[in-house]
Amino acid sequence: MKRIHKYLDIRYEKHLKEWDSVIAICGSSGVGKSNLGLNMAEFWYTKLKGICESEDIKHFCMNKEDFVTDLSDCIPLEMTIFDEAGELSSRSALSKFNKSMMIAYQVIRADKIFTILILPELWYLDSFFRNTKIKALFHVYKRGRVACWLSQKVKTVVQLNQSRYLKNYYLVKPDFYDTFPIYKGVMAESYLKMKTNKTTQARLKLKEEISEKSAVTERDLRNAKIKALLEAGLTQRDVANQLGVSQATVNRTGSDSD
């Protein structure tokens, strides 16, 4: 993580001079986006306080409510992380999230907060963030491997993909590549408990939705699978390919779930 650490060192110095930062970590489900976020968080808090503690996992948020709360509670120079993990699987949920983010960052822009947004795709974010707030895009293209575009190139990536149906970050050469390990630091155990709890909640919700119906049809089962996979963090395209349905069906089912 030599290049990533160098980038965080630079951002830290800028934060000392009244800057704030918002970066995005994107990639398909299962490639290790959360591992990268956790590694970054431990490096940042060690630099900020001299030590990262297990309780710092409180800044790693797995739902919108916790993220908004942590964002408002953070003191200057702290880092907060939002791991989307299926929270934004419907269009209406995405719209509400972007609206909340725009309001929040108009209020806290002078508070020197470092924000990491972990998302399947950069395009989940409102154009306000893509064009004005994102200081860097980290694309985890393979487990343990990441490409990074800094702010000026992020703007070019956005411009070149504006009218493209199939988006491609690599129309622009990344500023750097780096590798990162599976996270095994002081927050690992607490993170695993959080992730297990969220998975359990998703399964219970799926069970309740199925139990509410007196007669479960093939369509009901298909829709339940779509919702469960979206909540687990898969992209609409991944879900469509896995279940053999159209992306429009996945999008419609996800929208109905909000």
C-alpha atoms as a PDB file:
ATOM      1  CA  MET A   1       0.000   0.000   0.000  1.00  0.00           C
ATOM      2  CA  LYS A   2       2.995   2.308  -0.469  1.00  0.00           C
ATOM      3  CA  ARG A   3       1.289   4.619  -2.987  1.00  0.00           C
ATOM      4  CA  ILE A   4      -2.000   4.632  -1.066  1.00  0.00           C
ATOM      5  CA  HIS A   5      -0.184   5.597   2.133  1.00  0.00           C
ATOM      6  CA  LYS A   6       1.615   8.390   0.280  1.00  0.00           C
ATOM      7  CA  TYR A   7      -1.742   9.665  -0.994  1.00  0.00           C
ATOM      8  CA  LEU A   8      -3.212   9.612   2.540  1.00  0.00           C
ATOM      9  CA  ASP A   9      -0.153  11.454   3.866  1.00  0.00           C
ATOM     10  CA  ILE A  10      -0.757  14.210   1.307  1.00  0.00           C
ATOM     11  CA  ARG A  11      -4.456  14.411   2.172  1.00  0.00           C
ATOM     12  CA  TYR A  12      -3.628  14.592   5.881  1.00  0.00           C
ATOM     13  CA  GLU A  13      -1.364  17.604   5.341  1.00  0.00           C
ATOM     14  CA  LYS A  14      -4.116  19.298   3.342  1.00  0.00           C
ATOM     15  CA  HIS A  15      -6.636  18.601   6.121  1.00  0.00           C
ATOM     16  CA  LEU A  16      -4.328  20.394   8.546  1.00  0.00           C
ATOM     17  CA  LYS A  17      -4.726  23.401   6.220  1.00  0.00           C
ATOM     18  CA  GLU A  18      -8.560  23.457   6.462  1.00  0.00           C
ATOM     19  CA  TRP A  19      -9.368  21.047   3.594  1.00  0.00           C
ATOM     20  CA  ASP A  20     -11.903  18.248   3.598  1.00  0.00           C
ATOM     21  CA  SER A  21     -11.906  15.106   1.424  1.00  0.00           C
ATOM     22  CA  VAL A  22     -14.431  12.777  -0.176  1.00  0.00           C
ATOM     23  CA  ILE A  23     -13.127   9.728  -2.026  1.00  0.00           C
ATOM     24  CA  ALA A  24     -14.951   6.819  -3.658  1.00  0.00           C
ATOM     25  CA  ILE A  25     -13.963   3.151  -3.562  1.00  0.00           C
ATOM     26  CA  CYS A  26     -15.775   1.257  -6.313  1.00  0.00           C
ATOM     27  CA  GLY A  27     -15.766  -2.279  -7.683  1.00  0.00           C
ATOM     28  CA  SER A  28     -17.778  -5.453  -8.086  1.00  0.00           C
ATOM     29  CA  SER A  29     -19.074  -7.411  -5.116  1.00  0.00           C
ATOM     30  CA  GLY A  30     -16.478  -9.588  -3.401  1.00  0.00           C
ATOM     31  CA  VAL A  31     -13.285  -7.924  -4.669  1.00  0.00           C
ATOM     32  CA  GLY A  32     -12.355  -6.454  -1.283  1.00  0.00           C
ATOM     33  CA  LYS A  33     -13.577  -2.845  -1.321  1.00  0.00           C
ATOM     34  CA  SER A  34     -14.281  -2.964   2.425  1.00  0.00           C
ATOM     35  CA  ASN A  35     -10.791  -4.372   3.093  1.00  0.00           C
ATOM     36  CA  LEU A  36      -9.302  -1.351   1.349  1.00  0.00           C
ATOM     37  CA  GLY A  37     -11.531   1.006   3.341  1.00  0.00           C
ATOM     38  CA  LEU A  38     -10.534  -0.628   6.631  1.00  0.00           C
ATOM     39  CA  ASN A  39      -6.829  -0.480   5.771  1.00  0.00           C
ATOM     40  CA  MET A  40      -7.176   3.222   4.937  1.00  0.00           C
ATOM     41  CA  ALA A  41      -9.106   3.899   8.155  1.00  0.00           C
ATOM     42  CA  GLU A  42      -6.476   2.231  10.349  1.00  0.00           C
ATOM     43  CA  PHE A  43      -3.666   4.184   8.668  1.00  0.00           C
ATOM     44  CA  TRP A  44      -5.575   7.473   9.037  1.00  0.00           C
ATOM     45  CA  TYR A  45      -6.511   7.017  12.706  1.00  0.00           C
ATOM     46  CA  THR A  46      -3.007   5.863  13.583  1.00  0.00           C
ATOM     47  CA  LYS A  47      -1.698   9.046  11.979  1.00  0.00           C
ATOM     48  CA  LEU A  48      -4.350  11.185  13.687  1.00  0.00           C
ATOM     49  CA  LYS A  49      -4.187   9.738  17.232  1.00  0.00           C
ATOM     50  CA  GLY A  50      -0.971   7.732  17.270  1.00  0.00           C
ATOM     51  CA  ILE A  51      -3.004   4.521  17.517  1.00  0.00           C
ATOM     52  CA  CYS A  52      -6.080   2.951  15.908  1.00  0.00           C
ATOM     53  CA  GLU A  53      -8.406   1.228  18.379  1.00  0.00           C
ATOM     54  CA  SER A  54     -11.111  -1.390  17.919  1.00  0.00           C
ATOM     55  CA  GLU A  55     -13.736   1.181  18.916  1.00  0.00           C
ATOM     56  CA  ASP A  56     -12.871   3.228  15.804  1.00  0.00           C
ATOM     57  CA  ILE A  57     -15.057   0.758  13.901  1.00  0.00           C
ATOM     58  CA  LYS A  58     -17.947   3.054  14.932  1.00  0.00           C
ATOM     59  CA  HIS A  59     -16.918   5.230  11.975  1.00  0.00           C
ATOM     60  CA  PHE A  60     -17.479   2.321   9.539  1.00  0.00           C
ATOM     61  CA  CYS A  61     -21.182   2.613   8.701  1.00  0.00           C
ATOM     62  CA  MET A  62     -23.281  -0.028   6.944  1.00  0.00           C
ATOM     63  CA  ASN A  63     -26.553   1.873   6.662  1.00  0.00           C
ATOM     64  CA  LYS A  64     -27.589   5.406   5.748  1.00  0.00           C
ATOM     65  CA  GLU A  65     -28.845   6.287   9.213  1.00  0.00           C
ATOM     66  CA  ASP A  66     -25.578   5.372  10.961  1.00  0.00           C
ATOM     67  CA  PHE A  67     -23.567   7.181   8.304  1.00  0.00           C
ATOM     68  CA  VAL A  68     -25.516  10.430   8.571  1.00  0.00           C
ATOM     69  CA  THR A  69     -25.233  10.260  12.387  1.00  0.00           C
ATOM     70  CA  ASP A  70     -21.479   9.624  12.296  1.00  0.00           C
ATOM     71  CA  LEU A  71     -21.002  12.368   9.726  1.00  0.00           C
ATOM     72  CA  SER A  72     -22.665  14.869  12.039  1.00  0.00           C
ATOM     73  CA  ASP A  73     -20.818  13.597  15.143  1.00  0.00           C
ATOM     74  CA  CYS A  74     -17.309  13.588  13.635  1.00  0.00           C
ATOM     75  CA  ILE A  75     -14.855  16.141  14.941  1.00  0.00           C
ATOM     76  CA  PRO A  76     -12.357  17.899  12.634  1.00  0.00           C
ATOM     77  CA  LEU A  77      -9.813  15.593  10.932  1.00  0.00           C
ATOM     78  CA  GLU A  78     -11.767  12.398  11.688  1.00  0.00           C
ATOM     79  CA  MET A  79     -12.658   9.889   8.976  1.00  0.00           C
ATOM     80  CA  THR A  80     -16.066   8.352   8.333  1.00  0.00           C
ATOM     81  CA  ILE A  81     -16.801   5.467   5.944  1.00  0.00           C
ATOM     82  CA  PHE A  82     -20.091   4.512   4.295  1.00  0.00           C
ATOM     83  CA  ASP A  83     -20.122   0.931   3.011  1.00  0.00           C
ATOM     84  CA  GLU A  84     -23.165   0.903   0.720  1.00  0.00           C
ATOM     85  CA  ALA A  85     -23.680  -2.887   0.909  1.00  0.00           C
ATOM     86  CA  GLY A  86     -27.026  -2.886  -0.893  1.00  0.00           C
ATOM     87  CA  GLU A  87     -28.455   0.152   0.899  1.00  0.00           C
ATOM     88  CA  LEU A  88     -28.829   2.017  -2.408  1.00  0.00           C
ATOM     89  CA  SER A  89     -30.297  -0.815  -4.455  1.00  0.00           C
ATOM     90  CA  SER A  90     -33.427   1.099  -5.496  1.00  0.00           C
ATOM     91  CA  ARG A  91     -33.753   4.373  -7.380  1.00  0.00           C
ATOM     92  CA  SER A  92     -35.779   6.065  -4.652  1.00  0.00           C
ATOM     93  CA  ALA A  93     -33.276   5.068  -1.940  1.00  0.00           C
ATOM     94  CA  LEU A  94     -30.467   6.397  -4.110  1.00  0.00           C
ATOM     95  CA  SER A  95     -32.295   9.685  -4.636  1.00  0.00           C
ATOM     96  CA  LYS A  96     -32.897  10.156  -0.904  1.00  0.00           C
ATOM     97  CA  PHE A  97     -29.265   9.358  -0.125  1.00  0.00           C
ATOM     98  CA  ASN A  98     -27.900  11.843  -2.658  1.00  0.00           C
ATOM     99  CA  LYS A  99     -30.242  14.548  -1.377  1.00  0.00           C
ATOM    100  CA  SER A 100     -29.077  13.950   2.204  1.00  0.00           C
ATOM    101  CA  MET A 101     -25.424  14.016   1.114  1.00  0.00           C
ATOM    102  CA  MET A 102     -25.791  17.328  -0.705  1.00  0.00           C
ATOM    103  CA  ILE A 103     -27.367  18.945   2.358  1.00  0.00           C
ATOM    104  CA  ALA A 104     -24.811  17.445   4.746  1.00  0.00           C
ATOM    105  CA  TYR A 105     -21.780  18.566   2.766  1.00  0.00           C
ATOM    106  CA  GLN A 106     -23.051  22.100   2.389  1.00  0.00           C
ATOM    107  CA  VAL A 107     -23.087  22.221   6.202  1.00  0.00           C
ATOM    108  CA  ILE A 108     -19.847  20.409   7.103  1.00  0.00           C
ATOM    109  CA  ARG A 109     -17.584  21.496   4.247  1.00  0.00           C
ATOM    110  CA  ALA A 110     -15.370  23.507   6.635  1.00  0.00           C
ATOM    111  CA  ASP A 111     -15.043  20.726   9.234  1.00  0.00           C
ATOM    112  CA  LYS A 112     -12.055  18.955   7.636  1.00  0.00           C
ATOM    113  CA  ILE A 113     -13.794  15.554   7.637  1.00  0.00           C
ATOM    114  CA  PHE A 114     -12.391  12.726   5.492  1.00  0.00           C
ATOM    115  CA  THR A 115     -15.202  10.697   3.925  1.00  0.00           C
ATOM    116  CA  ILE A 116     -14.864   7.348   2.149  1.00  0.00           C
ATOM    117  CA  LEU A 117     -17.856   6.184   0.095  1.00  0.00           C
ATOM    118  CA  ILE A 118     -17.753   2.470  -0.778  1.00  0.00           C
ATOM    119  CA  LEU A 119     -20.047   1.854  -3.760  1.00  0.00           C
ATOM    120  CA  PRO A 120     -20.420  -0.601  -6.640  1.00  0.00           C
ATOM    121  CA  GLU A 121     -20.126   2.225  -9.189  1.00  0.00           C
ATOM    122  CA  LEU A 122     -19.144   5.905  -9.198  1.00  0.00           C
ATOM    123  CA  TRP A 123     -22.334   6.577 -11.170  1.00  0.00           C
ATOM    124  CA  TYR A 124     -24.423   5.908  -8.044  1.00  0.00           C
ATOM    125  CA  LEU A 125     -23.407   9.372  -6.892  1.00  0.00           C
ATOM    126  CA  ASP A 126     -25.201  12.555  -7.861  1.00  0.00           C
ATOM    127  CA  SER A 127     -23.386  14.726 -10.412  1.00  0.00           C
ATOM    128  CA  PHE A 128     -22.745  17.255  -7.609  1.00  0.00           C
ATOM    129  CA  PHE A 129     -20.355  14.778  -5.999  1.00  0.00           C
ATOM    130  CA  ARG A 130     -18.903  13.346  -9.174  1.00  0.00           C
ATOM    131  CA  ASN A 131     -18.001  16.784 -10.500  1.00  0.00           C
ATOM    132  CA  THR A 132     -17.148  18.844  -7.425  1.00  0.00           C
ATOM    133  CA  LYS A 133     -16.494  16.748  -4.309  1.00  0.00           C
ATOM    134  CA  ILE A 134     -14.666  13.557  -5.268  1.00  0.00           C
ATOM    135  CA  LYS A 135     -10.948  14.015  -4.609  1.00  0.00           C
ATOM    136  CA  ALA A 136     -10.045  10.505  -5.804  1.00  0.00           C
ATOM    137  CA  LEU A 137     -11.604   7.375  -7.302  1.00  0.00           C
ATOM    138  CA  PHE A 138     -10.188   4.008  -6.240  1.00  0.00           C
ATOM    139  CA  HIS A 139     -11.383   1.147  -8.459  1.00  0.00           C
ATOM    140  CA  VAL A 140     -10.765  -2.313  -7.014  1.00  0.00           C
ATOM    141  CA  TYR A 141     -10.560  -4.277 -10.257  1.00  0.00           C
ATOM    142  CA  LYS A 142      -9.302  -7.509  -8.706  1.00  0.00           C
ATOM    143  CA  ARG A 143      -8.976  -8.802  -5.140  1.00  0.00           C
ATOM    144  CA  GLY A 144      -6.133  -6.881  -3.537  1.00  0.00           C
ATOM    145  CA  ARG A 145      -5.475  -4.693  -6.599  1.00  0.00           C
ATOM    146  CA  VAL A 146      -6.639  -1.127  -7.116  1.00  0.00           C
ATOM    147  CA  ALA A 147      -6.322   1.683  -9.654  1.00  0.00           C
ATOM    148  CA  CYS A 148      -6.592   5.318  -8.609  1.00  0.00           C
ATOM    149  CA  TRP A 149      -7.637   8.483 -10.460  1.00  0.00           C
ATOM    150  CA  LEU A 150      -7.085  11.828  -8.720  1.00  0.00           C
ATOM    151  CA  SER A 151      -9.586  14.693  -8.892  1.00  0.00           C
ATOM    152  CA  GLN A 152      -8.665  16.177 -12.282  1.00  0.00           C
ATOM    153  CA  LYS A 153      -8.739  12.795 -13.998  1.00  0.00           C
ATOM    154  CA  VAL A 154     -11.979  11.872 -12.197  1.00  0.00           C
ATOM    155  CA  LYS A 155     -13.609  14.852 -13.903  1.00  0.00           C
ATOM    156  CA  THR A 156     -12.292  13.627 -17.262  1.00  0.00           C
ATOM    157  CA  VAL A 157     -13.579  10.097 -16.563  1.00  0.00           C
ATOM    158  CA  VAL A 158     -17.018  11.538 -15.829  1.00  0.00           C
ATOM    159  CA  GLN A 159     -17.032  13.737 -18.951  1.00  0.00           C
ATOM    160  CA  LEU A 160     -15.955  10.942 -21.308  1.00  0.00           C
ATOM    161  CA  ASN A 161     -18.567   8.547 -19.921  1.00  0.00           C
ATOM    162  CA  GLN A 162     -21.431  11.016 -19.810  1.00  0.00           C
ATOM    163  CA  SER A 163     -23.164   9.757 -22.946  1.00  0.00           C
ATOM    164  CA  ARG A 164     -21.913   6.156 -22.854  1.00  0.00           C
ATOM    165  CA  TYR A 165     -24.341   3.340 -22.022  1.00  0.00           C
ATOM    166  CA  LEU A 166     -21.485   1.056 -20.952  1.00  0.00           C
ATOM    167  CA  LYS A 167     -19.314   3.094 -18.588  1.00  0.00           C
ATOM    168  CA  ASN A 168     -15.545   2.550 -18.542  1.00  0.00           C
ATOM    169  CA  TYR A 169     -13.187   4.217 -16.051  1.00  0.00           C
ATOM    170  CA  TYR A 170     -10.182   3.131 -18.100  1.00  0.00           C
ATOM    171  CA  LEU A 171     -10.873   5.552 -20.933  1.00  0.00           C
ATOM    172  CA  VAL A 172      -8.497   7.633 -18.815  1.00  0.00           C
ATOM    173  CA  LYS A 173      -5.163   6.295 -17.603  1.00  0.00           C
ATOM    174  CA  PRO A 174      -5.090   5.963 -13.777  1.00  0.00           C
ATOM    175  CA  ASP A 175      -2.694   8.158 -11.813  1.00  0.00           C
ATOM    176  CA  PHE A 176      -1.356   5.069 -10.062  1.00  0.00           C
ATOM    177  CA  TYR A 177      -1.908   1.397  -9.282  1.00  0.00           C
ATOM    178  CA  ASP A 178      -1.316  -0.270  -5.926  1.00  0.00           C
ATOM    179  CA  THR A 179      -2.018  -3.437  -3.951  1.00  0.00           C
ATOM    180  CA  PHE A 180      -3.545  -3.953  -0.511  1.00  0.00           C
ATOM    181  CA  PRO A 181      -3.864  -6.919   1.885  1.00  0.00           C
ATOM    182  CA  ILE A 182      -6.885  -8.555   3.496  1.00  0.00           C
ATOM    183  CA  TYR A 183      -7.518  -6.465   6.580  1.00  0.00           C
ATOM    184  CA  LYS A 184      -6.391  -8.166   9.805  1.00  0.00           C
ATOM    185  CA  GLY A 185      -5.985  -5.129  12.038  1.00  0.00           C
ATOM    186  CA  VAL A 186      -7.511  -4.093  15.365  1.00  0.00           C
ATOM    187  CA  MET A 187     -10.983  -3.464  13.881  1.00  0.00           C
ATOM    188  CA  ALA A 188     -11.235  -6.814  12.061  1.00  0.00           C
ATOM    189  CA  GLU A 189     -13.205  -8.680  14.731  1.00  0.00           C
ATOM    190  CA  SER A 190     -15.660  -5.823  15.278  1.00  0.00           C
ATOM    191  CA  TYR A 191     -16.152  -5.458  11.522  1.00  0.00           C
ATOM    192  CA  LEU A 192     -16.907  -9.169  11.143  1.00  0.00           C
ATOM    193  CA  LYS A 193     -19.584  -8.924  13.865  1.00  0.00           C
ATOM    194  CA  MET A 194     -21.165  -5.924  12.124  1.00  0.00           C
ATOM    195  CA  LYS A 195     -21.168  -7.699   8.759  1.00  0.00           C
ATOM    196  CA  THR A 196     -22.623 -10.906  10.243  1.00  0.00           C
ATOM    197  CA  ASN A 197     -25.369  -8.920  11.949  1.00  0.00           C
ATOM    198  CA  LYS A 198     -26.299  -7.135   8.712  1.00  0.00           C
ATOM    199  CA  THR A 199     -26.412 -10.432   6.790  1.00  0.00           C
ATOM    200  CA  THR A 200     -28.644 -11.964   9.476  1.00  0.00           C
ATOM    201  CA  GLN A 201     -31.000  -8.982   9.292  1.00  0.00           C
ATOM    202  CA  ALA A 202     -31.224  -9.323   5.503  1.00  0.00           C
ATOM    203  CA  ARG A 203     -32.118 -13.030   5.808  1.00  0.00           C
ATOM    204  CA  LEU A 204     -34.787 -12.323   8.431  1.00  0.00           C
ATOM    205  CA  LYS A 205     -36.275  -9.626   6.233  1.00  0.00           C
ATOM    206  CA  LEU A 206     -36.374 -12.059   3.301  1.00  0.00           C
ATOM    207  CA  LYS A 207     -38.063 -14.699   5.492  1.00  0.00           C
ATOM    208  CA  GLU A 208     -40.674 -12.193   6.682  1.00  0.00           C
ATOM    209  CA  GLU A 209     -41.446 -11.062   3.141  1.00  0.00           C
ATOM    210  CA  ILE A 210     -41.968 -14.648   1.969  1.00  0.00           C
ATOM    211  CA  SER A 211     -43.985 -15.620   5.081  1.00  0.00           C
ATOM    212  CA  GLU A 212     -46.397 -12.722   4.541  1.00  0.00           C
ATOM    213  CA  LYS A 213     -47.638 -14.291   1.308  1.00  0.00           C
ATOM    214  CA  SER A 214     -50.176 -17.098   1.551  1.00  0.00           C
ATOM    215  CA  ALA A 215     -49.159 -18.557  -1.802  1.00  0.00           C
ATOM    216  CA  VAL A 216     -45.613 -18.145  -3.013  1.00  0.00           C
ATOM    217  CA  THR A 217     -45.287 -18.103  -6.791  1.00  0.00           C
ATOM    218  CA  GLU A 218     -42.198 -18.553  -8.953  1.00  0.00           C
ATOM    219  CA  ARG A 219     -42.237 -14.804  -9.496  1.00  0.00           C
ATOM    220  CA  ASP A 220     -42.341 -14.183  -5.732  1.00  0.00           C
ATOM    221  CA  LEU A 221     -39.285 -16.373  -5.227  1.00  0.00           C
ATOM    222  CA  ARG A 222     -37.444 -14.704  -8.094  1.00  0.00           C
ATOM    223  CA  ASN A 223     -38.206 -11.234  -6.740  1.00  0.00           C
ATOM    224  CA  ALA A 224     -37.158 -12.269  -3.230  1.00  0.00           C
ATOM    225  CA  LYS A 225     -33.834 -13.534  -4.595  1.00  0.00           C
ATOM    226  CA  ILE A 226     -33.319 -10.277  -6.500  1.00  0.00           C
ATOM    227  CA  LYS A 227     -33.938  -8.188  -3.370  1.00  0.00           C
ATOM    228  CA  ALA A 228     -31.684 -10.360  -1.221  1.00  0.00           C
ATOM    229  CA  LEU A 229     -28.811 -10.180  -3.734  1.00  0.00           C
ATOM    230  CA  LEU A 230     -29.169  -6.410  -4.083  1.00  0.00           C
ATOM    231  CA  GLU A 231     -29.120  -6.004  -0.310  1.00  0.00           C
ATOM    232  CA  ALA A 232     -26.002  -8.180  -0.184  1.00  0.00           C
ATOM    233  CA  GLY A 233     -24.252  -5.564  -2.328  1.00  0.00           C
ATOM    234  CA  LEU A 234     -24.365  -7.029  -5.861  1.00  0.00           C
ATOM    235  CA  THR A 235     -24.884  -4.628  -8.738  1.00  0.00           C
ATOM    236  CA  GLN A 236     -28.029  -4.838 -10.857  1.00  0.00           C
ATOM    237  CA  ARG A 237     -25.972  -6.198 -13.733  1.00  0.00           C
ATOM    238  CA  ASP A 238     -24.441  -8.938 -11.551  1.00  0.00           C
ATOM    239  CA  VAL A 239     -27.879  -9.948 -10.233  1.00  0.00           C
ATOM    240  CA  ALA A 240     -29.333 -10.076 -13.750  1.00  0.00           C
ATOM    241  CA  ASN A 241     -26.498 -12.300 -14.973  1.00  0.00           C
ATOM    242  CA  GLN A 242     -26.686 -14.598 -11.943  1.00  0.00           C
ATOM    243  CA  LEU A 243     -30.464 -15.150 -12.132  1.00  0.00           C
ATOM    244  CA  GLY A 244     -30.791 -15.054 -15.917  1.00  0.00           C
ATOM    245  CA  VAL A 245     -33.220 -12.123 -15.986  1.00  0.00           C
ATOM    246  CA  SER A 246     -33.077  -8.724 -17.638  1.00  0.00           C
ATOM    247  CA  GLN A 247     -31.469  -5.753 -15.891  1.00  0.00           C
ATOM    248  CA  ALA A 248     -34.796  -3.920 -16.325  1.00  0.00           C
ATOM    249  CA  THR A 249     -36.520  -6.623 -14.217  1.00  0.00           C
ATOM    250  CA  VAL A 250     -33.864  -6.253 -11.504  1.00  0.00           C
ATOM    251  CA  ASN A 251     -34.194  -2.466 -11.566  1.00  0.00           C
ATOM    252  CA  ARG A 252     -38.007  -2.633 -11.348  1.00  0.00           C
ATOM    253  CA  THR A 253     -37.965  -5.145  -8.496  1.00  0.00           C
ATOM    254  CA  GLY A 254     -35.356  -3.126  -6.606  1.00  0.00           C
ATOM    255  CA  SER A 255     -37.411   0.043  -7.001  1.00  0.00           C
ATOM    256  CA  ASP A 256     -40.517  -1.692  -5.667  1.00  0.00           C
ATOM    257  CA  SER A 257     -38.635  -2.743  -2.513  1.00  0.00           C
ATOM    258  CA  ASP A 258     -38.142   0.741  -1.120  1.00  0.00           C
END
